[in-house]
Protein backbone atom coordinates (compact mmCIF):
# COMPACT_ATOMS: atom_id res chain seq x y z
CA MET A 1 0.00 0.00 0.00
CA SER A 2 1.55 3.27 -1.11
CA LEU A 3 1.54 6.63 0.63
CA HIS A 4 -0.49 8.03 -2.25
CA HIS A 5 -3.10 5.31 -1.77
CA ILE A 6 -3.37 5.97 1.98
CA LEU A 7 -3.56 9.75 1.65
CA SER A 8 -5.65 10.03 -1.51
CA THR A 9 -7.54 7.04 -2.80
CA CYS A 10 -8.18 4.39 -0.14
CA SER A 11 -11.95 4.23 0.12
CA ALA A 12 -11.78 2.86 3.67
CA LEU A 13 -10.11 6.11 4.79
CA THR A 14 -12.56 8.50 3.12
CA THR A 15 -14.20 9.54 6.39
CA ILE A 16 -10.91 10.34 8.10
CA ARG A 17 -9.67 12.22 5.00
CA ASP A 18 -12.87 14.31 4.96
CA LYS A 19 -12.40 15.20 8.64
CA LEU A 20 -8.75 16.09 8.06
CA LEU A 21 -9.66 18.24 5.07
CA GLN A 22 -12.12 20.17 7.24
CA PHE A 23 -9.41 20.61 9.87
CA THR A 24 -6.99 21.88 7.20
CA LEU A 25 -9.52 24.34 5.80
CA GLN A 26 -10.36 25.69 9.25
CA TYR A 27 -6.71 25.87 10.29
CA SER A 28 -5.72 27.67 7.09
CA LEU A 29 -8.14 30.47 7.92
CA THR A 30 -6.22 31.17 11.13
CA VAL A 31 -3.06 32.08 9.19
CA PRO A 32 -4.22 34.32 6.33
CA ALA A 33 -0.69 35.12 5.14
CA ILE A 34 -0.13 31.49 4.13
CA THR A 35 -3.68 30.22 3.55
CA LYS A 36 -3.10 29.68 -0.16
CA LEU A 37 0.19 27.86 0.51
CA ILE A 38 -1.50 25.58 3.04
CA LEU A 39 -4.31 24.75 0.66
CA ASP A 40 -1.89 24.15 -2.21
CA LEU A 41 0.20 21.71 -0.18
CA CYS A 42 -2.26 20.01 2.12
CA THR A 43 -5.38 19.22 0.15
CA PRO A 44 -6.32 15.90 -1.47
CA SER A 45 -5.26 17.08 -4.90
CA SER A 46 -1.64 17.23 -3.77
CA PRO A 47 -0.81 15.03 -0.76
CA ASP A 48 2.03 12.53 -1.31
CA LEU A 49 5.57 13.32 -0.26
CA LYS A 50 5.03 17.07 0.09
CA ILE A 51 3.15 16.30 3.25
CA ILE A 52 6.12 14.48 4.82
CA ASP A 53 8.76 17.20 4.50
CA CYS A 54 7.54 20.36 2.90
CA SER A 55 10.58 22.39 4.02
CA VAL A 56 12.40 21.71 0.74
CA ILE A 57 9.62 23.01 -1.51
CA PRO A 58 10.55 26.37 -3.07
CA SER A 59 7.24 28.05 -2.22
CA VAL A 60 7.64 27.00 1.42
CA ILE A 61 11.21 28.28 1.53
CA LEU A 62 10.06 31.61 0.11
CA ALA A 63 7.17 31.86 2.57
CA SER A 64 9.55 31.05 5.45
CA GLN A 65 11.91 33.77 4.31
CA THR A 66 9.04 36.22 3.97
CA TYR A 67 6.97 35.40 7.06
CA GLY A 68 9.44 33.64 9.36
CA LYS A 69 9.86 30.21 10.91
CA ASP A 70 6.23 30.07 12.00
CA VAL A 71 5.37 29.04 8.43
CA LEU A 72 7.06 25.68 9.00
CA HIS A 73 5.45 25.34 12.41
CA HIS A 74 1.97 25.74 10.86
CA LEU A 75 2.68 23.40 7.95
CA TYR A 76 4.19 20.72 10.17
CA ASN A 77 1.26 21.01 12.54
CA ILE A 78 -1.14 20.29 9.70
CA THR A 79 0.90 17.49 8.17
CA ARG A 80 1.51 15.72 11.47
CA THR A 81 -2.15 16.05 12.33
CA SER A 82 -3.01 14.50 8.97
CA VAL A 83 -0.55 11.62 8.83
CA GLN A 84 -0.99 10.18 12.32
CA PRO A 85 -4.79 9.66 12.26
CA SER A 86 -4.60 8.22 8.75
CA GLN A 87 -1.95 5.71 9.83
CA ARG A 88 -3.86 4.85 13.01
CA GLU A 89 -7.07 4.24 11.05
CA ARG A 90 -5.20 2.12 8.50
CA LEU A 91 -3.72 -0.02 11.28
CA LYS A 92 -7.18 -0.50 12.80
CA ILE A 93 -8.55 -1.63 9.43
CA ILE A 94 -5.82 -4.23 8.94
CA GLY A 95 -6.05 -5.40 12.56
CA ARG A 96 -2.62 -4.20 13.69
CA TRP A 97 -3.65 -1.31 15.95
CA ASN A 98 -2.33 -1.63 19.49
CA PRO A 99 -3.05 1.57 21.45
CA THR A 100 -0.78 0.67 24.36
């Protein structure tokens, strides 16, 4: 199972993806200076590896230089919030979730 499948196309994870998209949309409104950047990087049309380490993407570098280190803080907050629940839900589906 690929990262793209987990983050974009797995039908079993549709509900969690919808919730995470709502979180991303709401969160992006709290940082108007980088709302467009957040939506460009963290929506279903463009998940994949950008979500793992966005600090090497030119638009993120430029935003960090323009608005400061908080840009990375906001982007990492969104990406970490997105990846962990998706992985947890996937593990539950395949019977490998152990919360302890």
